Amino acid sequence: MSPDDLALARAAVTAMRDELQAYPKPGLVSPVDSGAHADMDFELMCRSAESLLQPFASLAAAGRAAASFEQALVPLGIEAESGMLAVTRGVNTHRGAIFSLGLIVAAIARAQSVTAIPSPAAVRAALRDTWGVALDAHAARGDETSHGGLVRRRTGRDGARREAARAFPSVFETGLPTYRDARAAGLDDNAASVHSLFALMSTLDDTTVLYRGGLEAGSFVRQSAADFLAAGGCHRSDWFGRAEALHRAFVARNLSAGGCADLLACTLLVSRCCSDA
C-alpha cells in the first residue's frame, strides 16, 4: 500500500467529516443534532468515518491496480462494512458511503495511475472503462433484501447500484458543478456544501427517503429542495434560517436524504482531488 493510497484514503475520510460538519442539512446528522436519526449522533458518525481509513486505502490500491470488481472491490467493501459495524455496534452509519465513496476512491486512484491530478472526466472514464460492465451486471442483479431492493419493489425506483452503473451522474453532473460554482461565487465551504446537497436532493430519488416515506416523501424532498434553490438557495442572505426551517420539517416527517449525503461526500472528494478541467 503506497503513501498515495493512504493520502487518498485520508482525503475520503476528510470529505466524510466535512459532510458531517455541514449544517443545516435537512434531517441529517450534524454537530448540532442527530436530525431524523434516533440511533446515531455526530460522534458516532465521526468514529464510523475514521474506521474506514484503512479500508479506503485498500480500495485505492485495488483501484490503482485495476483489480476485479467482484473478486477484489466487493470483498474489500464487505470487510469495510464489517469493521464499521463493529465500531458502531451494529448501527448502519455508512453502508451507502462505503459503496459510493469506495468506488470513487478506486476510480480516482486508477485515474491517478495516468495523471497525478486527474480531471473529473478522467475519473469518470476510469470508472466506466475499468468496472463499467461489472457495475451494469451488479445493478441488473440487484439485492432484494437491501433497502434499495425493497424500494425498487415498492416504487420501481433504482438506487445506488444504478447510480454507480451510470458512473455517478449526480456527482459529476450535479454535485460537482454546483459546488464549484458556489465556491467561485464566494460561498464558504459550509454554505457551498449545503447548497450542493440541496441540488442533489432536487434531482435524485433518494432511496433512504423512499424507504422511510414512499413516493410522497420523495416528491416532498425533491420539491422542497427545488423551491429552496429557485428562491436563491444559499446565495441569499437569509439562507441559513430557511434551511434550518426545512431541517425541522424533515425531522418532523422522519425524513433524511442519506443517499444524497453520501453523494455530497463524493462530490467534496472529487472536487479536492481533481483538476478544474
Protein backbone atom coordinates (compact mmCIF):
# COMPACT_ATOMS: atom_id res chain seq x y z
CA MET A 1 0.00 0.00 0.00
CA SER A 2 1.57 3.26 -1.12
CA PRO A 3 1.65 6.72 0.51
CA ASP A 4 -0.58 7.86 -2.35
CA ASP A 5 -3.21 5.28 -1.38
CA LEU A 6 -3.14 6.42 2.24
CA ALA A 7 -3.33 10.08 1.21
CA LEU A 8 -6.37 9.38 -0.97
CA ALA A 9 -8.00 7.40 1.84
CA ARG A 10 -7.41 10.28 4.25
CA ALA A 11 -8.95 12.67 1.71
CA ALA A 12 -12.03 10.43 1.53
CA VAL A 13 -12.41 10.33 5.31
CA THR A 14 -11.95 14.11 5.43
CA ALA A 15 -14.71 14.51 2.82
CA MET A 16 -16.99 12.41 5.04
CA ARG A 17 -16.10 14.50 8.06
CA ASP A 18 -16.75 17.71 6.11
CA GLU A 19 -20.16 16.43 5.02
CA LEU A 20 -20.94 15.63 8.66
CA GLN A 21 -19.85 19.10 9.79
CA ALA A 22 -22.14 20.91 7.33
CA TYR A 23 -25.32 22.46 8.77
CA PRO A 24 -28.25 22.87 8.31
CA LYS A 25 -28.79 19.68 6.32
CA PRO A 26 -32.48 18.67 6.36
CA GLY A 27 -32.97 15.57 8.50
CA LEU A 28 -29.28 14.67 8.59
CA VAL A 29 -26.79 14.24 11.42
CA SER A 30 -24.57 17.25 12.19
CA PRO A 31 -22.67 18.64 15.21
CA VAL A 32 -25.90 20.45 16.15
CA ASP A 33 -28.24 17.46 16.40
CA SER A 34 -28.99 13.98 15.09
CA GLY A 35 -31.69 15.04 12.66
CA ALA A 36 -34.16 12.25 11.94
CA HIS A 37 -31.78 9.57 13.25
CA ALA A 38 -32.61 8.24 16.71
CA ASP A 39 -29.88 5.59 16.60
CA MET A 40 -26.84 7.74 15.77
CA ASP A 41 -25.19 11.06 16.50
CA PHE A 42 -22.27 13.18 15.29
CA GLU A 43 -19.63 11.48 17.42
CA LEU A 44 -20.72 8.00 16.34
CA MET A 45 -20.69 9.08 12.69
CA CYS A 46 -17.19 10.50 13.09
CA ARG A 47 -15.90 7.28 14.62
CA SER A 48 -17.54 5.36 11.80
CA ALA A 49 -15.83 7.56 9.20
CA GLU A 50 -12.43 7.14 10.83
CA SER A 51 -12.85 3.36 10.80
CA LEU A 52 -12.83 3.49 7.00
CA LEU A 53 -9.31 4.93 6.60
CA GLN A 54 -7.52 1.61 6.06
CA PRO A 55 -10.38 0.07 4.02
CA PHE A 56 -10.36 3.08 1.69
CA ALA A 57 -6.57 2.78 1.35
CA SER A 58 -7.04 -0.86 0.35
CA LEU A 59 -9.70 0.14 -2.17
CA ALA A 60 -7.37 2.80 -3.57
CA ALA A 61 -4.62 0.21 -4.01
CA ALA A 62 -7.05 -2.17 -5.72
CA GLY A 63 -8.32 0.60 -7.95
CA ARG A 64 -4.81 1.69 -8.92
CA ALA A 65 -4.15 -1.90 -10.00
CA ALA A 66 -7.47 -2.13 -11.91
CA ALA A 67 -8.44 -5.10 -9.75
CA SER A 68 -11.66 -7.01 -10.38
CA PHE A 69 -14.89 -5.54 -9.06
CA GLU A 70 -16.32 -8.90 -7.96
CA GLN A 71 -13.07 -10.51 -6.82
CA ALA A 72 -11.41 -7.51 -5.14
CA LEU A 73 -13.58 -4.44 -4.64
CA VAL A 74 -16.67 -6.24 -3.37
CA PRO A 75 -14.78 -8.29 -0.74
CA LEU A 76 -12.95 -5.15 0.41
CA GLY A 77 -16.28 -3.36 0.72
CA ILE A 78 -17.75 -6.21 2.77
CA GLU A 79 -14.69 -6.14 5.03
CA ALA A 80 -15.04 -2.35 5.43
CA GLU A 81 -18.70 -2.74 6.36
CA SER A 82 -17.88 -5.41 8.95
CA GLY A 83 -15.30 -3.15 10.57
CA MET A 84 -17.68 -0.20 10.55
CA LEU A 85 -20.45 -2.22 12.22
CA ALA A 86 -18.02 -3.37 14.90
CA VAL A 87 -17.19 0.27 15.68
CA THR A 88 -20.85 1.36 15.69
CA ARG A 89 -22.14 -1.76 17.49
CA GLY A 90 -24.37 -2.70 14.61
CA VAL A 91 -25.68 0.75 13.61
CA ASN A 92 -25.68 1.26 9.82
CA THR A 93 -23.94 4.62 9.68
CA HIS A 94 -22.06 4.44 6.38
CA ARG A 95 -23.01 1.35 4.37
CA GLY A 96 -24.02 3.51 1.42
CA ALA A 97 -20.89 5.63 1.66
CA ILE A 98 -18.68 2.53 1.62
CA PHE A 99 -20.23 1.58 -1.72
CA SER A 100 -20.36 5.01 -3.39
CA LEU A 101 -17.28 6.65 -1.92
CA GLY A 102 -15.32 3.40 -2.14
CA LEU A 103 -15.92 3.23 -5.89
CA ILE A 104 -14.99 6.89 -6.32
CA VAL A 105 -11.77 6.28 -4.35
CA ALA A 106 -10.92 3.33 -6.59
CA ALA A 107 -11.66 5.34 -9.73
CA ILE A 108 -9.58 8.34 -8.60
CA ALA A 109 -6.66 6.01 -7.81
CA ARG A 110 -7.00 4.39 -11.24
CA ALA A 111 -7.01 7.80 -12.93
CA GLN A 112 -4.01 8.88 -10.82
CA SER A 113 -2.03 6.00 -12.30
CA VAL A 114 -2.06 8.02 -15.54
CA THR A 115 -2.11 11.61 -14.23
CA ALA A 116 -1.22 12.73 -10.70
CA ILE A 117 -4.10 15.19 -10.56
CA PRO A 118 -6.74 13.82 -12.92
CA SER A 119 -9.74 15.66 -14.28
CA PRO A 120 -13.24 14.68 -13.15
CA ALA A 121 -13.84 13.37 -16.67
CA ALA A 122 -10.79 11.10 -16.36
CA VAL A 123 -12.08 9.71 -13.06
CA ARG A 124 -15.46 9.00 -14.59
CA ALA A 125 -13.83 7.39 -17.62
CA ALA A 126 -11.70 5.21 -15.33
CA LEU A 127 -14.83 4.05 -13.54
CA ARG A 128 -16.60 3.19 -16.79
CA ASP A 129 -13.63 1.64 -18.59
CA THR A 130 -12.38 -0.46 -15.66
CA TRP A 131 -15.58 -1.60 -13.95
CA GLY A 132 -18.49 -0.48 -16.18
CA VAL A 133 -19.53 -3.94 -17.36
CA ALA A 134 -19.36 -5.37 -13.84
CA LEU A 135 -21.32 -2.43 -12.41
CA ASP A 136 -24.03 -2.87 -15.06
CA ALA A 137 -24.34 -6.53 -14.09
CA HIS A 138 -24.33 -5.62 -10.39
CA ALA A 139 -27.19 -3.16 -10.91
CA ALA A 140 -29.20 -5.59 -13.01
CA ARG A 141 -28.77 -8.37 -10.47
CA GLY A 142 -29.93 -6.20 -7.55
CA ASP A 143 -30.29 -7.23 -3.93
CA GLU A 144 -33.90 -7.69 -2.93
CA THR A 145 -33.02 -7.94 0.77
CA SER A 146 -31.47 -4.45 0.95
CA HIS A 147 -33.23 -1.12 1.45
CA GLY A 148 -32.61 -0.42 -2.22
CA GLY A 149 -34.19 -3.72 -3.22
CA LEU A 150 -37.25 -3.09 -1.06
CA VAL A 151 -37.62 0.40 -2.51
CA ARG A 152 -37.32 -0.99 -6.04
CA ARG A 153 -40.13 -3.45 -5.39
CA ARG A 154 -42.38 -0.84 -3.76
CA THR A 155 -41.75 2.12 -6.07
CA GLY A 156 -39.91 0.95 -9.17
CA ARG A 157 -37.10 3.43 -8.41
CA ASP A 158 -33.43 2.46 -8.54
CA GLY A 159 -30.79 3.42 -6.02
CA ALA A 160 -27.02 3.45 -5.56
CA ARG A 161 -26.32 0.46 -7.81
CA ARG A 162 -27.87 2.14 -10.84
CA GLU A 163 -26.18 5.44 -9.96
CA ALA A 164 -22.82 3.66 -9.93
CA ALA A 165 -23.57 1.83 -13.19
CA ARG A 166 -24.17 5.24 -14.80
CA ALA A 167 -20.80 6.47 -13.42
CA PHE A 168 -22.39 8.73 -10.80
CA PRO A 169 -24.15 11.41 -12.86
CA SER A 170 -25.41 13.01 -9.65
CA VAL A 171 -21.83 13.65 -8.54
CA PHE A 172 -20.27 14.68 -11.85
CA GLU A 173 -23.21 16.46 -13.49
CA THR A 174 -24.98 17.99 -10.47
CA GLY A 175 -22.99 17.99 -7.24
CA LEU A 176 -19.55 18.93 -8.57
CA PRO A 177 -20.52 21.83 -10.86
CA THR A 178 -22.90 23.19 -8.23
CA TYR A 179 -20.23 23.06 -5.52
CA ARG A 180 -17.53 24.65 -7.66
CA ASP A 181 -19.86 27.38 -8.92
CA ALA A 182 -20.92 28.13 -5.34
CA ARG A 183 -17.31 28.43 -4.19
CA ALA A 184 -16.45 30.59 -7.20
CA ALA A 185 -19.38 32.87 -6.31
CA GLY A 186 -17.89 33.43 -2.85
CA LEU A 187 -19.80 31.00 -0.65
CA ASP A 188 -17.79 29.47 2.18
CA ASP A 189 -17.35 25.73 2.35
CA ASN A 190 -20.33 25.17 4.64
CA ALA A 191 -22.74 27.18 2.50
CA ALA A 192 -21.41 25.65 -0.72
CA SER A 193 -21.80 22.15 0.74
CA VAL A 194 -25.38 22.79 1.86
CA HIS A 195 -26.23 24.40 -1.50
CA SER A 196 -24.81 21.34 -3.30
CA LEU A 197 -26.75 19.00 -1.05
CA PHE A 198 -29.98 20.77 -2.00
CA ALA A 199 -29.06 20.46 -5.68
CA LEU A 200 -28.59 16.71 -5.22
CA MET A 201 -31.86 16.43 -3.27
CA SER A 202 -33.75 18.27 -6.02
CA THR A 203 -32.76 15.76 -8.71
CA LEU A 204 -32.22 12.39 -7.02
CA ASP A 205 -34.68 9.71 -5.98
CA ASP A 206 -33.02 9.08 -2.61
CA THR A 207 -33.77 5.52 -1.56
CA THR A 208 -33.35 6.40 2.13
CA VAL A 209 -36.20 8.88 1.72
CA LEU A 210 -38.28 6.44 -0.32
CA TYR A 211 -37.70 3.66 2.22
CA ARG A 212 -38.90 5.88 5.06
CA GLY A 213 -41.81 7.62 3.37
CA GLY A 214 -42.51 6.24 -0.09
CA LEU A 215 -43.11 8.20 -3.28
CA GLU A 216 -44.96 11.01 -1.48
CA ALA A 217 -41.92 11.64 0.70
CA GLY A 218 -39.68 11.55 -2.36
CA SER A 219 -41.78 14.21 -4.05
CA PHE A 220 -41.79 16.34 -0.89
CA VAL A 221 -37.99 16.21 -0.63
CA ARG A 222 -37.35 16.98 -4.29
CA GLN A 223 -39.88 19.82 -4.38
CA SER A 224 -38.67 21.34 -1.10
CA ALA A 225 -35.10 21.34 -2.39
CA ALA A 226 -36.10 22.73 -5.79
CA ASP A 227 -38.09 25.54 -4.15
CA PHE A 228 -35.15 26.39 -1.88
CA LEU A 229 -32.84 26.64 -4.88
CA ALA A 230 -35.34 28.57 -7.03
CA ALA A 231 -35.55 31.19 -4.27
CA GLY A 232 -31.79 31.68 -4.37
CA GLY A 233 -30.56 28.80 -2.24
CA CYS A 234 -27.51 29.58 -0.14
CA HIS A 235 -26.78 32.69 -2.20
CA ARG A 236 -29.49 34.54 -0.24
CA SER A 237 -28.55 36.35 2.95
CA ASP A 238 -31.28 34.52 4.87
CA TRP A 239 -30.39 31.06 3.58
CA PHE A 240 -29.39 29.65 6.95
CA GLY A 241 -32.78 30.25 8.59
CA ARG A 242 -34.64 28.91 5.57
CA ALA A 243 -32.52 25.73 5.50
CA GLU A 244 -32.91 25.28 9.25
CA ALA A 245 -36.71 25.52 8.92
CA LEU A 246 -36.58 22.76 6.31
CA HIS A 247 -34.38 20.74 8.64
CA ARG A 248 -37.09 20.91 11.31
CA ALA A 249 -39.77 19.99 8.75
CA PHE A 250 -37.80 16.93 7.63
CA VAL A 251 -37.25 15.79 11.22
CA ALA A 252 -40.98 16.15 11.91
CA ARG A 253 -41.63 13.83 8.94
CA ASN A 254 -38.81 11.44 9.95
CA LEU A 255 -37.06 12.03 6.62
CA SER A 256 -33.35 12.00 5.89
CA ALA A 257 -31.69 12.14 2.47
CA GLY A 258 -28.84 9.84 3.46
CA GLY A 259 -28.04 8.84 -0.10
CA CYS A 260 -27.60 12.50 -1.07
CA ALA A 261 -25.31 12.97 1.93
CA ASP A 262 -23.10 10.14 0.63
CA LEU A 263 -23.02 11.76 -2.81
CA LEU A 264 -22.13 15.11 -1.25
CA ALA A 265 -19.09 13.44 0.36
CA CYS A 266 -18.22 12.02 -3.08
CA THR A 267 -18.59 15.50 -4.58
CA LEU A 268 -16.25 17.02 -2.00
CA LEU A 269 -13.66 14.30 -2.58
CA VAL A 270 -13.68 14.71 -6.36
CA SER A 271 -13.53 18.49 -6.08
CA ARG A 272 -10.45 18.36 -3.86
CA CYS A 273 -8.55 15.56 -5.62
CA CYS A 274 -9.19 16.54 -9.22
CA SER A 275 -8.28 19.41 -11.51
CA ASP A 276 -10.76 22.04 -12.62
CA ALA A 277 -10.74 20.70 -16.18
